[in-house]
Amino acid sequence: MRFTVRVTPNAKETAFFTRDGVFCARLRAKPRDNRANKELQTALSEALGKKVKIVRGAKSREKTCETDANEGDLKKIFDAGVAEPGQKGQ
C-alpha cells in the first residue's frame, strides 16, 4: 500500500499524528545527509512491524511511502500518536 506523509524535521520529539485527514510526522533528525528519511523509515517500520520504504519525495517534506501494512494499521499508528502538535495523544 502507498500512502503520503507530511514530514517536519528537526522537531523536539518524534511523533505521528493526523491533521485534517493527512498523515503527518515530526522527526527529531535534521534534513541533512538523508537522516530524516532514515528516521521516518525506521520509526514507521518499528511502529507497524513491517518494512516501510520512501518511493517518492526524498528531498521534499511530502513523502510517498510504501508498505505491506493495511490502511487500518496506518490509522492506528497515526491516530495513537500526537493528536495536534504540542498535545499528547493516547
Protein backbone atom coordinates (compact mmCIF):
# COMPACT_ATOMS: atom_id res chain seq x y z
CA MET A 1 0.00 0.00 0.00
CA ARG A 2 1.18 3.51 -0.81
CA PHE A 3 0.47 6.50 1.41
CA THR A 4 1.63 10.10 1.81
CA VAL A 5 3.21 11.58 4.93
CA ARG A 6 3.82 15.28 5.57
CA VAL A 7 7.15 15.50 7.44
CA THR A 8 8.50 18.18 9.79
CA PRO A 9 12.19 17.54 10.54
CA ASN A 10 14.26 18.92 13.44
CA ALA A 11 11.41 18.59 15.98
CA LYS A 12 11.76 18.19 19.75
CA GLU A 13 10.32 14.67 19.60
CA THR A 14 9.44 12.07 17.01
CA ALA A 15 5.67 11.77 16.75
CA PHE A 16 2.98 10.70 14.31
CA PHE A 17 -0.43 12.32 14.05
CA THR A 18 -3.24 13.09 11.64
CA ARG A 19 -4.24 16.64 10.73
CA ASP A 20 -7.26 17.26 8.50
CA GLY A 21 -7.11 13.67 7.29
CA VAL A 22 -3.42 13.88 6.33
CA PHE A 23 -0.78 11.62 7.90
CA CYS A 24 1.93 13.80 9.49
CA ALA A 25 5.23 13.08 11.20
CA ARG A 26 7.52 15.19 13.34
CA LEU A 27 11.07 13.88 13.32
CA ARG A 28 13.99 14.70 15.59
CA ALA A 29 16.52 14.24 12.79
CA LYS A 30 17.68 17.16 10.73
CA PRO A 31 17.10 17.08 6.98
CA ARG A 32 20.79 16.51 6.26
CA ASP A 33 22.58 13.51 4.85
CA ASN A 34 19.27 11.64 4.47
CA ARG A 35 18.91 11.42 8.29
CA ALA A 36 15.24 12.48 8.45
CA ASN A 37 14.31 9.99 5.72
CA LYS A 38 16.09 7.17 7.55
CA GLU A 39 14.38 8.11 10.82
CA LEU A 40 10.96 8.15 9.13
CA GLN A 41 11.51 4.71 7.61
CA THR A 42 12.90 3.25 10.84
CA ALA A 43 10.28 4.71 13.17
CA LEU A 44 7.35 3.74 10.94
CA SER A 45 8.77 0.27 10.34
CA GLU A 46 9.14 -0.32 14.08
CA ALA A 47 5.65 1.01 14.83
CA LEU A 48 3.98 -1.04 12.09
CA GLY A 49 6.13 -4.15 12.38
CA LYS A 50 6.54 -4.08 8.60
CA LYS A 51 9.14 -2.58 6.29
CA VAL A 52 8.45 0.97 5.07
CA LYS A 53 10.17 2.45 2.03
CA ILE A 54 10.11 6.02 0.69
CA VAL A 55 9.30 5.79 -3.00
CA ARG A 56 8.86 9.49 -3.81
CA GLY A 57 9.77 12.83 -2.26
CA ALA A 58 13.17 12.05 -0.77
CA LYS A 59 14.04 15.78 -0.87
CA SER A 60 10.55 17.03 -0.14
CA ARG A 61 8.51 17.39 3.06
CA GLU A 62 5.75 15.39 1.44
CA LYS A 63 6.84 11.77 1.11
CA THR A 64 5.13 8.89 -0.62
CA CYS A 65 5.86 5.69 1.25
CA GLU A 66 5.13 2.04 0.53
CA THR A 67 4.49 -0.82 2.96
CA ASP A 68 2.72 -4.17 3.25
CA ALA A 69 0.62 -2.83 6.15
CA ASN A 70 -3.04 -2.03 5.54
CA GLU A 71 -4.81 1.30 5.97
CA GLY A 72 -6.23 0.26 9.35
CA ASP A 73 -2.73 -0.36 10.72
CA LEU A 74 -1.58 3.05 9.49
CA LYS A 75 -4.55 4.84 11.05
CA LYS A 76 -3.84 3.15 14.40
CA ILE A 77 -0.25 4.44 14.39
CA PHE A 78 -1.08 7.97 13.32
CA ASP A 79 -4.21 8.28 15.49
CA ALA A 80 -2.41 6.94 18.59
CA GLY A 81 0.39 9.49 18.27
CA VAL A 82 0.18 13.19 18.94
CA ALA A 83 -3.31 14.50 18.16
CA GLU A 84 -2.11 18.03 17.48
CA PRO A 85 1.42 19.42 17.73
CA GLY A 86 2.14 20.18 21.36
CA GLN A 87 -0.65 17.99 22.76
CA LYS A 88 -0.10 14.43 23.95
CA GLY A 89 -2.27 11.75 22.41
CA GLN A 90 -3.41 8.41 23.83
